[in-house]
Amino acid sequence: MVIEGRQEEFGKYYNEITELIRQRNDTDPINSLIKNSSAINIFYSPGIEIEEHIGRESRAMSCYKIRRTLKLKKGQFDTLIEELVNNATYGGELRIYFNAGFNELVTNDNGNDFRTIRFHGDAIVAVANSFNGSGYHISLPLDITFPFVRDRLFVDSQVRYSYATEVCGMYRDWCDSTSWETGYKTVGNTGRNRQKEKTLLTN
């Protein structure tokens, strides 16, 4: 009887109760959705474009640009770099693929962005062309740190011709082998400003 009475009372004041709950709820549904989302395919672009083979750029120059960007010594992983260039026939953007929750990397306050992003382990390196849906990727044992620039960070599914799904048809975990960390560089070298690089997030 008590339960039935409460149900009737709730039904009578349903609109008022709903409005009161809505007014007192200060959560952001978009932020909540992002925070509860699982890791997704993300890529970081160092800002290097590789020309297609029929263009002005030779394959040797393409290999050189990739080695220089990834800070590889001459002769280091030459076979893999050549494989990458030779199979990315139409050229494209040099990318490093990894899995992460987007909220782990960016917030609404770009003034508090991380200063560095480090990739290590068996990193997935690709040359992908989002204009015609082509590309190729390899796995490289890297340990490299880039300045963190949020404009060079992309969700793969949101770009034209997603490389992972539309071009290659791969499962989400295809780039799990890429480990990553974000952190802050040393602020200064003397006095109170001496601060070791602090790693905040580790995958």
N, C-alpha and C. Protein backbone atom coordinates (compact mmCIF):
# COMPACT_ATOMS: atom_id res chain seq x y z
N MET A 1 0.82 -1.21 0.00
CA MET A 1 0.00 0.00 0.00
C MET A 1 0.87 1.27 0.00
N VAL A 2 1.95 1.22 0.82
CA VAL A 2 2.83 2.39 0.89
C VAL A 2 3.49 2.64 -0.46
N ILE A 3 3.96 1.55 -1.10
CA ILE A 3 4.62 1.67 -2.40
C ILE A 3 3.67 2.22 -3.45
N GLU A 4 2.42 1.70 -3.44
CA GLU A 4 1.44 2.18 -4.41
C GLU A 4 1.17 3.67 -4.21
N GLY A 5 1.13 4.08 -2.94
CA GLY A 5 0.88 5.49 -2.65
C GLY A 5 2.00 6.38 -3.15
N ARG A 6 3.22 5.89 -2.99
CA ARG A 6 4.37 6.67 -3.45
C ARG A 6 4.40 6.75 -4.97
N GLN A 7 4.02 5.66 -5.63
CA GLN A 7 3.98 5.66 -7.09
C GLN A 7 2.97 6.67 -7.60
N GLU A 8 1.82 6.73 -6.94
CA GLU A 8 0.80 7.69 -7.35
C GLU A 8 1.29 9.13 -7.13
N GLU A 9 1.98 9.34 -6.00
CA GLU A 9 2.49 10.67 -5.70
C GLU A 9 3.58 11.07 -6.70
N PHE A 10 4.42 10.10 -7.05
CA PHE A 10 5.47 10.37 -8.03
C PHE A 10 4.88 10.73 -9.38
N GLY A 11 3.85 9.96 -9.77
CA GLY A 11 3.20 10.23 -11.05
C GLY A 11 2.55 11.61 -11.07
N LYS A 12 2.02 12.01 -9.93
CA LYS A 12 1.34 13.30 -9.84
C LYS A 12 2.32 14.45 -10.00
N TYR A 13 3.52 14.28 -9.43
CA TYR A 13 4.52 15.37 -9.45
C TYR A 13 5.71 15.04 -10.36
N TYR A 14 5.48 14.19 -11.35
CA TYR A 14 6.57 13.72 -12.21
C TYR A 14 7.32 14.87 -12.87
N ASN A 15 6.59 15.80 -13.47
CA ASN A 15 7.23 16.91 -14.19
C ASN A 15 8.06 17.79 -13.26
N GLU A 16 7.53 18.07 -12.06
CA GLU A 16 8.25 18.90 -11.10
C GLU A 16 9.53 18.21 -10.63
N ILE A 17 9.43 16.90 -10.36
CA ILE A 17 10.60 16.14 -9.89
C ILE A 17 11.67 16.09 -10.98
N THR A 18 11.24 15.83 -12.21
CA THR A 18 12.19 15.75 -13.33
C THR A 18 12.91 17.07 -13.53
N GLU A 19 12.17 18.18 -13.46
CA GLU A 19 12.77 19.49 -13.64
C GLU A 19 13.76 19.81 -12.52
N LEU A 20 13.44 19.42 -11.30
CA LEU A 20 14.32 19.66 -10.16
C LEU A 20 15.63 18.88 -10.31
N ILE A 21 15.53 17.63 -10.75
CA ILE A 21 16.73 16.81 -10.97
C ILE A 21 17.59 17.42 -12.06
N ARG A 22 16.94 17.88 -13.14
CA ARG A 22 17.68 18.47 -14.25
C ARG A 22 18.43 19.72 -13.81
N GLN A 23 17.80 20.55 -12.99
CA GLN A 23 18.42 21.79 -12.53
C GLN A 23 19.63 21.52 -11.63
N ARG A 24 19.56 20.46 -10.85
CA ARG A 24 20.64 20.17 -9.90
C ARG A 24 21.74 19.30 -10.50
N ASN A 25 21.54 18.84 -11.71
CA ASN A 25 22.54 17.98 -12.36
C ASN A 25 23.52 18.86 -13.14
N ASP A 26 24.74 18.98 -12.63
CA ASP A 26 25.74 19.84 -13.28
C ASP A 26 26.75 19.06 -14.10
N THR A 27 26.47 17.81 -14.40
CA THR A 27 27.41 17.01 -15.19
C THR A 27 27.33 17.39 -16.66
N ASP A 28 28.45 17.26 -17.35
CA ASP A 28 28.53 17.53 -18.79
C ASP A 28 28.40 16.21 -19.53
N PRO A 29 27.31 15.99 -20.27
CA PRO A 29 27.11 14.70 -20.94
C PRO A 29 28.19 14.37 -21.94
N ILE A 30 28.76 15.39 -22.61
CA ILE A 30 29.82 15.13 -23.59
C ILE A 30 31.09 14.66 -22.90
N ASN A 31 31.45 15.36 -21.80
CA ASN A 31 32.63 14.95 -21.05
C ASN A 31 32.46 13.56 -20.46
N SER A 32 31.25 13.28 -19.98
CA SER A 32 30.99 11.96 -19.41
C SER A 32 31.12 10.88 -20.47
N LEU A 33 30.64 11.18 -21.67
CA LEU A 33 30.75 10.20 -22.76
C LEU A 33 32.21 9.94 -23.11
N ILE A 34 33.01 11.02 -23.18
CA ILE A 34 34.43 10.87 -23.50
C ILE A 34 35.15 10.08 -22.42
N LYS A 35 34.87 10.40 -21.15
CA LYS A 35 35.56 9.73 -20.06
C LYS A 35 35.23 8.25 -19.99
N ASN A 36 34.02 7.89 -20.41
CA ASN A 36 33.61 6.50 -20.34
C ASN A 36 33.87 5.74 -21.63
N SER A 37 34.47 6.41 -22.61
CA SER A 37 34.76 5.74 -23.87
C SER A 37 36.01 4.89 -23.74
N SER A 38 36.02 3.78 -24.45
CA SER A 38 37.20 2.92 -24.42
C SER A 38 38.28 3.51 -25.30
N ALA A 39 39.46 2.92 -25.24
CA ALA A 39 40.58 3.39 -26.05
C ALA A 39 40.23 3.29 -27.53
N ILE A 40 40.68 4.28 -28.28
CA ILE A 40 40.39 4.34 -29.71
C ILE A 40 41.69 4.53 -30.48
N ASN A 41 41.63 4.28 -31.78
CA ASN A 41 42.79 4.48 -32.65
C ASN A 41 43.07 5.97 -32.84
N ILE A 42 44.24 6.39 -32.43
CA ILE A 42 44.67 7.77 -32.56
C ILE A 42 46.01 7.79 -33.29
N PHE A 43 46.25 8.84 -34.05
CA PHE A 43 47.59 8.96 -34.62
C PHE A 43 48.16 10.34 -34.36
N TYR A 44 49.48 10.36 -34.25
CA TYR A 44 50.20 11.62 -34.09
C TYR A 44 51.00 11.87 -35.35
N SER A 45 50.87 13.07 -35.89
CA SER A 45 51.57 13.43 -37.12
C SER A 45 52.78 14.31 -36.79
N PRO A 46 53.99 13.85 -37.10
CA PRO A 46 55.17 14.70 -36.90
C PRO A 46 55.24 15.87 -37.87
N GLY A 47 54.33 15.92 -38.84
CA GLY A 47 54.29 17.03 -39.79
C GLY A 47 55.10 16.82 -41.05
N ILE A 48 55.29 15.56 -41.44
CA ILE A 48 56.09 15.25 -42.63
C ILE A 48 55.20 14.61 -43.70
N GLU A 49 55.30 15.10 -44.92
CA GLU A 49 54.58 14.53 -46.05
C GLU A 49 55.56 13.80 -46.96
N ILE A 50 55.17 12.61 -47.40
CA ILE A 50 55.97 11.82 -48.32
C ILE A 50 55.32 11.90 -49.70
N GLU A 51 56.11 12.25 -50.71
CA GLU A 51 55.59 12.38 -52.07
C GLU A 51 55.27 11.02 -52.67
N GLU A 52 54.30 11.00 -53.59
CA GLU A 52 54.03 9.75 -54.30
C GLU A 52 55.20 9.45 -55.24
N HIS A 53 55.33 8.19 -55.63
CA HIS A 53 56.51 7.74 -56.37
C HIS A 53 56.68 8.43 -57.72
N ILE A 54 55.57 8.84 -58.31
CA ILE A 54 55.68 9.48 -59.63
C ILE A 54 55.94 10.98 -59.51
N GLY A 55 56.05 11.45 -58.29
CA GLY A 55 56.28 12.87 -58.08
C GLY A 55 57.75 13.23 -58.14
N ARG A 56 58.09 14.40 -57.61
CA ARG A 56 59.45 14.93 -57.71
C ARG A 56 60.41 14.25 -56.73
N GLU A 57 59.86 13.64 -55.72
CA GLU A 57 60.71 13.12 -54.66
C GLU A 57 61.15 11.69 -54.94
N SER A 58 62.42 11.41 -54.83
CA SER A 58 62.92 10.06 -55.04
C SER A 58 62.63 9.20 -53.82
N ARG A 59 62.66 7.90 -54.00
CA ARG A 59 62.43 7.00 -52.88
C ARG A 59 63.53 7.15 -51.84
N ALA A 60 64.74 7.36 -52.29
CA ALA A 60 65.85 7.54 -51.36
C ALA A 60 65.63 8.77 -50.48
N MET A 61 65.11 9.85 -51.08
CA MET A 61 64.83 11.06 -50.31
C MET A 61 63.69 10.83 -49.32
N SER A 62 62.68 10.07 -49.74
CA SER A 62 61.57 9.74 -48.84
C SER A 62 62.08 8.97 -47.62
N CYS A 63 62.94 7.99 -47.87
CA CYS A 63 63.51 7.21 -46.77
C CYS A 63 64.33 8.10 -45.84
N TYR A 64 65.07 9.02 -46.43
CA TYR A 64 65.89 9.94 -45.63
C TYR A 64 65.01 10.81 -44.73
N LYS A 65 63.93 11.34 -45.27
CA LYS A 65 63.03 12.20 -44.49
C LYS A 65 62.43 11.45 -43.31
N ILE A 66 62.06 10.18 -43.54
CA ILE A 66 61.48 9.39 -42.46
C ILE A 66 62.52 9.09 -41.38
N ARG A 67 63.72 8.69 -41.81
CA ARG A 67 64.79 8.41 -40.84
C ARG A 67 65.12 9.65 -40.01
N ARG A 68 65.19 10.79 -40.67
CA ARG A 68 65.52 12.04 -39.97
C ARG A 68 64.43 12.39 -38.96
N THR A 69 63.18 12.25 -39.36
CA THR A 69 62.06 12.58 -38.48
C THR A 69 62.02 11.66 -37.27
N LEU A 70 62.29 10.38 -37.49
CA LEU A 70 62.25 9.40 -36.40
C LEU A 70 63.59 9.28 -35.67
N LYS A 71 64.54 10.13 -36.06
CA LYS A 71 65.86 10.19 -35.41
C LYS A 71 66.57 8.84 -35.46
N LEU A 72 66.55 8.23 -36.63
CA LEU A 72 67.22 6.95 -36.84
C LEU A 72 68.58 7.18 -37.48
N LYS A 73 69.55 6.41 -37.07
CA LYS A 73 70.88 6.51 -37.67
C LYS A 73 70.87 5.91 -39.07
N LYS A 74 71.80 6.38 -39.88
CA LYS A 74 71.92 5.85 -41.23
C LYS A 74 72.20 4.35 -41.17
N GLY A 75 71.43 3.59 -41.92
CA GLY A 75 71.58 2.14 -41.92
C GLY A 75 70.70 1.44 -40.90
N GLN A 76 70.06 2.20 -40.01
CA GLN A 76 69.20 1.61 -38.98
C GLN A 76 67.80 1.37 -39.53
N PHE A 77 67.41 0.12 -39.55
CA PHE A 77 66.08 -0.29 -40.04
C PHE A 77 65.85 0.11 -41.50
N ASP A 78 66.91 0.12 -42.29
CA ASP A 78 66.78 0.52 -43.69
C ASP A 78 65.77 -0.34 -44.45
N THR A 79 65.80 -1.65 -44.20
CA THR A 79 64.90 -2.55 -44.93
C THR A 79 63.44 -2.23 -44.63
N LEU A 80 63.14 -1.97 -43.36
CA LEU A 80 61.76 -1.65 -42.98
C LEU A 80 61.33 -0.30 -43.54
N ILE A 81 62.21 0.68 -43.48
CA ILE A 81 61.87 2.01 -44.01
C ILE A 81 61.63 1.93 -45.51
N GLU A 82 62.47 1.18 -46.22
CA GLU A 82 62.28 1.02 -47.66
C GLU A 82 60.97 0.29 -47.96
N GLU A 83 60.63 -0.69 -47.13
CA GLU A 83 59.35 -1.39 -47.31
C GLU A 83 58.18 -0.42 -47.17
N LEU A 84 58.27 0.45 -46.19
CA LEU A 84 57.21 1.44 -45.96
C LEU A 84 57.06 2.36 -47.16
N VAL A 85 58.16 2.89 -47.64
CA VAL A 85 58.12 3.83 -48.77
C VAL A 85 57.67 3.14 -50.05
N ASN A 86 58.20 1.96 -50.31
CA ASN A 86 57.88 1.25 -51.56
C ASN A 86 56.41 0.85 -51.65
N ASN A 87 55.78 0.61 -50.51
CA ASN A 87 54.38 0.16 -50.52
C ASN A 87 53.38 1.29 -50.35
N ALA A 88 53.85 2.45 -49.94
CA ALA A 88 52.97 3.63 -49.88
C ALA A 88 53.09 4.36 -51.21
N THR A 89 52.58 3.73 -52.26
CA THR A 89 52.80 4.19 -53.63
C THR A 89 52.36 5.63 -53.86
N TYR A 90 51.24 6.02 -53.24
CA TYR A 90 50.71 7.36 -53.47
C TYR A 90 51.17 8.37 -52.41
N GLY A 91 52.16 7.97 -51.63
CA GLY A 91 52.67 8.87 -50.61
C GLY A 91 51.64 9.16 -49.53
N GLY A 92 51.87 10.22 -48.80
CA GLY A 92 50.93 10.60 -47.76
C GLY A 92 51.63 11.16 -46.54
N GLU A 93 50.91 11.16 -45.46
CA GLU A 93 51.37 11.75 -44.20
C GLU A 93 52.05 10.70 -43.34
N LEU A 94 53.19 11.04 -42.77
CA LEU A 94 53.85 10.14 -41.82
C LEU A 94 53.08 10.19 -40.50
N ARG A 95 52.71 9.02 -39.98
CA ARG A 95 51.90 8.96 -38.77
C ARG A 95 52.43 7.89 -37.82
N ILE A 96 52.21 8.12 -36.54
CA ILE A 96 52.46 7.10 -35.52
C ILE A 96 51.12 6.77 -34.88
N TYR A 97 50.72 5.51 -34.98
CA TYR A 97 49.42 5.08 -34.48
C TYR A 97 49.54 4.46 -33.09
N PHE A 98 48.55 4.74 -32.26
CA PHE A 98 48.49 4.15 -30.92
C PHE A 98 47.05 4.17 -30.43
N ASN A 99 46.79 3.49 -29.34
CA ASN A 99 45.46 3.45 -28.75
C ASN A 99 45.45 4.23 -27.44
N ALA A 100 44.41 5.03 -27.25
CA ALA A 100 44.29 5.81 -26.02
C ALA A 100 42.87 6.33 -25.90
N GLY A 101 42.48 6.69 -24.69
CA GLY A 101 41.25 7.43 -24.48
C GLY A 101 41.55 8.89 -24.79
N PHE A 102 40.71 9.53 -25.58
CA PHE A 102 41.03 10.89 -26.03
C PHE A 102 41.17 11.85 -24.86
N ASN A 103 40.39 11.63 -23.78
CA ASN A 103 40.46 12.53 -22.62
C ASN A 103 41.78 12.40 -21.87
N GLU A 104 42.54 11.34 -22.13
CA GLU A 104 43.85 11.19 -21.50
C GLU A 104 44.88 12.15 -22.11
N LEU A 105 44.57 12.68 -23.27
CA LEU A 105 45.54 13.49 -24.01
C LEU A 105 45.18 14.96 -24.09
N VAL A 106 43.90 15.28 -24.18
CA VAL A 106 43.51 16.69 -24.32
C VAL A 106 42.35 17.00 -23.38
N THR A 107 42.28 18.26 -22.96
CA THR A 107 41.18 18.76 -22.15
C THR A 107 40.66 20.03 -22.81
N ASN A 108 39.69 20.65 -22.17
CA ASN A 108 39.16 21.91 -22.70
C ASN A 108 40.14 23.07 -22.51
N ASP A 109 41.14 22.88 -21.67
CA ASP A 109 42.10 23.94 -21.37
C ASP A 109 43.41 23.65 -22.10
N ASN A 110 43.55 24.21 -23.31
CA ASN A 110 44.77 23.93 -24.07
C ASN A 110 46.00 24.61 -23.49
N GLY A 111 45.80 25.50 -22.51
CA GLY A 111 46.94 26.12 -21.85
C GLY A 111 47.66 25.16 -20.92
N ASN A 112 46.99 24.06 -20.58
CA ASN A 112 47.60 23.07 -19.70
C ASN A 112 47.96 21.79 -20.44
N ASP A 113 48.18 21.91 -21.74
CA ASP A 113 48.57 20.73 -22.52
C ASP A 113 49.92 20.19 -22.05
N PHE A 114 50.11 18.91 -22.29
CA PHE A 114 51.42 18.32 -22.04
C PHE A 114 52.45 18.96 -22.96
N ARG A 115 53.69 18.89 -22.56
CA ARG A 115 54.76 19.47 -23.37
C ARG A 115 55.39 18.46 -24.31
N THR A 116 55.34 17.20 -23.95
CA THR A 116 55.99 16.17 -24.76
C THR A 116 55.10 14.94 -24.89
N ILE A 117 55.33 14.18 -25.94
CA ILE A 117 54.70 12.88 -26.09
C ILE A 117 55.78 11.91 -26.58
N ARG A 118 55.90 10.81 -25.89
CA ARG A 118 56.95 9.83 -26.19
C ARG A 118 56.31 8.54 -26.69
N PHE A 119 56.89 7.98 -27.75
CA PHE A 119 56.46 6.70 -28.29
C PHE A 119 57.62 5.71 -28.16
N HIS A 120 57.29 4.52 -27.68
CA HIS A 120 58.34 3.50 -27.54
C HIS A 120 57.72 2.12 -27.68
N GLY A 121 58.58 1.12 -27.64
CA GLY A 121 58.10 -0.24 -27.91
C GLY A 121 58.06 -0.49 -29.41
N ASP A 122 57.22 -1.42 -29.82
CA ASP A 122 57.06 -1.71 -31.25
C ASP A 122 56.02 -0.74 -31.82
N ALA A 123 56.48 0.43 -32.17
CA ALA A 123 55.58 1.50 -32.61
C ALA A 123 55.09 1.24 -34.03
N ILE A 124 53.81 1.53 -34.25
CA ILE A 124 53.21 1.39 -35.58
C ILE A 124 53.39 2.71 -36.33
N VAL A 125 54.20 2.65 -37.38
CA VAL A 125 54.50 3.83 -38.19
C VAL A 125 53.87 3.65 -39.57
N ALA A 126 53.13 4.65 -40.02
CA ALA A 126 52.42 4.55 -41.29
C ALA A 126 52.68 5.76 -42.17
N VAL A 127 52.55 5.54 -43.46
CA VAL A 127 52.42 6.64 -44.43
C VAL A 127 51.04 6.46 -45.02
N ALA A 128 50.14 7.38 -44.71
CA ALA A 128 48.74 7.24 -45.11
C ALA A 128 48.27 8.46 -45.89
N ASN A 129 47.49 8.20 -46.92
CA ASN A 129 46.94 9.25 -47.76
C ASN A 129 45.43 9.29 -47.58
N SER A 130 44.95 10.32 -46.89
CA SER A 130 43.52 10.42 -46.60
C SER A 130 42.70 10.93 -47.77
N PHE A 131 43.35 11.39 -48.82
CA PHE A 131 42.62 11.92 -49.97
C PHE A 131 42.17 10.83 -50.93
N ASN A 132 42.98 9.77 -51.06
CA ASN A 132 42.56 8.69 -51.96
C ASN A 132 42.42 7.35 -51.27
N GLY A 133 42.59 7.32 -49.94
CA GLY A 133 42.38 6.08 -49.20
C GLY A 133 43.44 5.04 -49.46
N SER A 134 44.69 5.38 -49.24
CA SER A 134 45.78 4.44 -49.46
C SER A 134 46.82 4.60 -48.35
N GLY A 135 47.77 3.68 -48.33
CA GLY A 135 48.84 3.79 -47.35
C GLY A 135 49.44 2.44 -47.00
N TYR A 136 50.37 2.48 -46.08
CA TYR A 136 51.06 1.27 -45.64
C TYR A 136 51.65 1.56 -44.26
N HIS A 137 51.84 0.50 -43.47
CA HIS A 137 52.42 0.69 -42.15
C HIS A 137 53.38 -0.43 -41.80
N ILE A 138 54.27 -0.14 -40.88
CA ILE A 138 55.24 -1.11 -40.39
C ILE A 138 55.33 -0.99 -38.87
N SER A 139 55.97 -1.95 -38.24
CA SER A 139 56.24 -1.90 -36.81
C SER A 139 57.73 -1.65 -36.61
N LEU A 140 58.05 -0.59 -35.87
CA LEU A 140 59.45 -0.22 -35.64
C LEU A 140 59.74 -0.15 -34.14
N PRO A 141 60.82 -0.77 -33.67
CA PRO A 141 61.20 -0.64 -32.26
C PRO A 141 61.80 0.74 -32.00
N LEU A 142 60.97 1.66 -31.58
CA LEU A 142 61.39 3.06 -31.42
C LEU A 142 61.40 3.49 -29.96
N ASP A 143 62.07 4.57 -29.72
CA ASP A 143 61.96 5.31 -28.46
C ASP A 143 62.24 6.76 -28.81
N ILE A 144 61.17 7.50 -29.08
CA ILE A 144 61.32 8.86 -29.59
C ILE A 144 60.31 9.78 -28.90
N THR A 145 60.74 11.00 -28.63
CA THR A 145 59.90 11.99 -27.97
C THR A 145 59.72 13.20 -28.89
N PHE A 146 58.47 13.61 -29.06
CA PHE A 146 58.14 14.79 -29.86
C PHE A 146 57.55 15.87 -28.96
N PRO A 147 57.67 17.13 -29.36
CA PRO A 147 56.89 18.17 -28.69
C PRO A 147 55.41 17.86 -28.86
N PHE A 148 54.62 18.03 -27.81
CA PHE A 148 53.20 17.73 -27.91
C PHE A 148 52.48 18.94 -28.51
N VAL A 149 51.89 18.73 -29.67
CA VAL A 149 51.11 19.77 -30.35
C VAL A 149 49.73 19.17 -30.63
N ARG A 150 48.71 19.69 -29.98
CA ARG A 150 47.40 19.05 -30.09
C ARG A 150 46.84 19.08 -31.52
N ASP A 151 47.28 20.05 -32.33
CA ASP A 151 46.81 20.11 -33.72
C ASP A 151 47.37 18.98 -34.57
N ARG A 152 48.33 18.25 -34.04
CA ARG A 152 48.89 17.11 -34.77
C ARG A 152 48.35 15.78 -34.26
N LEU A 153 47.36 15.86 -33.40
CA LEU A 153 46.76 14.66 -32.82
C LEU A 153 45.39 14.45 -33.45
N PHE A 154 45.13 13.24 -33.95
CA PHE A 154 43.89 12.98 -34.68
C PHE A 154 43.28 11.65 -34.26
N VAL A 155 41.96 11.62 -34.22
CA VAL A 155 41.22 10.37 -34.07
C VAL A 155 41.07 9.78 -35.47
N ASP A 156 41.57 8.58 -35.67
CA ASP A 156 41.62 8.02 -37.02
C ASP A 156 40.25 7.91 -37.67
N SER A 157 39.23 7.57 -36.89
CA SER A 157 37.90 7.38 -37.47
C SER A 157 37.27 8.68 -37.93
N GLN A 158 37.84 9.82 -37.52
CA GLN A 158 37.25 11.11 -37.86
C GLN A 158 37.88 11.76 -39.09
N VAL A 159 38.91 11.16 -39.65
CA VAL A 159 39.51 11.72 -40.86
C VAL A 159 38.93 11.03 -42.08
N ARG A 160 39.04 11.69 -43.21
CA ARG A 160 38.54 11.10 -44.45
C ARG A 160 39.32 9.83 -44.76
N TYR A 161 38.61 8.79 -45.18
CA TYR A 161 39.23 7.49 -45.45
C TYR A 161 40.08 7.03 -44.27
N SER A 162 39.40 6.71 -43.18
CA SER A 162 40.10 6.19 -42.01
C SER A 162 41.05 5.07 -42.41
N TYR A 163 42.32 5.23 -42.06
CA TYR A 163 43.32 4.23 -42.48
C TYR A 163 43.03 2.87 -41.86
N ALA A 164 42.71 2.86 -40.57
CA ALA A 164 42.53 1.58 -39.87
C ALA A 164 41.31 0.81 -40.35
N THR A 165 40.18 1.49 -40.50
CA THR A 165 38.94 0.78 -40.81
C THR A 165 38.60 0.78 -42.30
N GLU A 166 38.62 1.94 -42.93
CA GLU A 166 38.19 2.01 -44.33
C GLU A 166 39.25 1.54 -45.32
N VAL A 167 40.51 1.79 -45.00
CA VAL A 167 41.58 1.37 -45.92
C VAL A 167 42.01 -0.06 -45.66
N CYS A 168 42.22 -0.39 -44.38
CA CYS A 168 42.78 -1.70 -44.04
C CYS A 168 41.78 -2.66 -43.41
N GLY A 169 40.68 -2.16 -42.87
CA GLY A 169 39.68 -3.02 -42.25
C GLY A 169 40.21 -3.78 -41.05
N MET A 170 40.94 -3.09 -40.18
CA MET A 170 41.56 -3.74 -39.04
C MET A 170 40.75 -3.55 -37.77
N TYR A 171 40.99 -4.44 -36.79
CA TYR A 171 40.35 -4.32 -35.48
C TYR A 171 41.03 -3.23 -34.67
N ARG A 172 40.34 -2.77 -33.63
CA ARG A 172 40.83 -1.65 -32.83
C ARG A 172 42.21 -1.90 -32.23
N ASP A 173 42.52 -3.15 -31.88
CA ASP A 173 43.76 -3.43 -31.15
C ASP A 173 44.98 -3.57 -32.07
N TRP A 174 44.86 -3.22 -33.33
CA TRP A 174 45.95 -3.44 -34.28
C TRP A 174 47.21 -2.65 -33.93
N CYS A 175 47.06 -1.54 -33.20
CA CYS A 175 48.24 -0.73 -32.85
C CYS A 175 48.52 -0.72 -31.35
N ASP A 176 48.09 -1.77 -30.67
CA ASP A 176 48.34 -1.88 -29.23
C ASP A 176 49.83 -1.94 -28.89
N SER A 177 50.65 -2.34 -29.85
CA SER A 177 52.08 -2.51 -29.56
C SER A 177 52.81 -1.18 -29.38
N THR A 178 52.17 -0.09 -29.76
CA THR A 178 52.79 1.23 -29.56
C THR A 178 52.54 1.69 -28.13
N SER A 179 53.61 1.83 -27.36
CA SER A 179 53.49 2.38 -26.01
C SER A 179 53.72 3.89 -26.07
N TRP A 180 53.09 4.61 -25.17
CA TRP A 180 53.21 6.07 -25.20
C TRP A 180 53.20 6.65 -23.80
N GLU A 181 53.78 7.82 -23.69
CA GLU A 181 53.80 8.57 -22.43
C GLU A 181 53.69 10.05 -22.75
N THR A 182 53.08 10.78 -21.85
CA THR A 182 53.04 12.24 -21.98
C THR A 182 53.70 12.85 -20.76
N GLY A 183 54.29 14.02 -20.93
CA GLY A 183 54.96 14.63 -19.78
C GLY A 183 55.35 16.05 -20.03
N TYR A 184 56.08 16.61 -19.08
CA TYR A 184 56.56 17.98 -19.17
C TYR A 184 58.07 18.00 -19.25
N LYS A 185 58.60 18.81 -20.14
CA LYS A 185 60.04 18.94 -20.26
C LYS A 185 60.60 19.72 -19.07
N THR A 186 61.92 19.66 -18.93
CA THR A 186 62.59 20.42 -17.89
C THR A 186 62.34 21.91 -18.10
N VAL A 187 61.95 22.57 -17.01
CA VAL A 187 61.65 24.00 -17.09
C VAL A 187 62.92 24.81 -17.19
N GLY A 188 63.92 24.47 -16.40
CA GLY A 188 65.18 25.21 -16.42
C GLY A 188 66.30 24.33 -15.92
N ASN A 189 67.52 24.85 -15.94
CA ASN A 189 68.67 24.05 -15.56
C ASN A 189 69.31 24.45 -14.24
N THR A 190 68.89 25.57 -13.66
CA THR A 190 69.53 26.02 -12.44
C THR A 190 68.49 26.42 -11.40
N GLY A 191 68.95 26.47 -10.12
CA GLY A 191 68.12 26.96 -9.04
C GLY A 191 66.83 26.18 -8.86
N ARG A 192 65.79 26.91 -8.46
CA ARG A 192 64.51 26.28 -8.19
C ARG A 192 63.83 25.79 -9.44
N ASN A 193 64.28 26.27 -10.59
CA ASN A 193 63.64 25.87 -11.84
C ASN A 193 64.11 24.51 -12.33
N ARG A 194 65.12 23.95 -11.67
CA ARG A 194 65.59 22.64 -12.11
C ARG A 194 64.51 21.61 -11.78
N GLN A 195 64.02 21.00 -12.80
CA GLN A 195 62.92 20.04 -12.62
C GLN A 195 63.07 18.92 -13.62
N LYS A 196 63.13 17.73 -13.12
CA LYS A 196 63.24 16.59 -14.02
C LYS A 196 61.93 16.40 -14.76
N GLU A 197 62.04 15.81 -15.94
CA GLU A 197 60.83 15.53 -16.71
C GLU A 197 59.93 14.62 -15.91
N LYS A 198 58.70 15.02 -15.79
CA LYS A 198 57.74 14.26 -15.00
C LYS A 198 56.76 13.58 -15.94
N THR A 199 56.72 12.28 -15.88
CA THR A 199 55.79 11.53 -16.71
C THR A 199 54.47 11.42 -15.99
N LEU A 200 53.41 11.87 -16.65
CA LEU A 200 52.10 11.90 -16.03
C LEU A 200 51.24 10.71 -16.42
N LEU A 201 51.36 10.29 -17.64
CA LEU A 201 50.53 9.18 -18.10
C LEU A 201 51.41 8.16 -18.78
N THR A 202 51.18 6.93 -18.47
CA THR A 202 51.92 5.85 -19.10
C THR A 202 50.95 4.80 -19.57
N ASN A 203 51.12 4.34 -20.80
CA ASN A 203 50.26 3.29 -21.32
C ASN A 203 51.03 1.99 -21.34
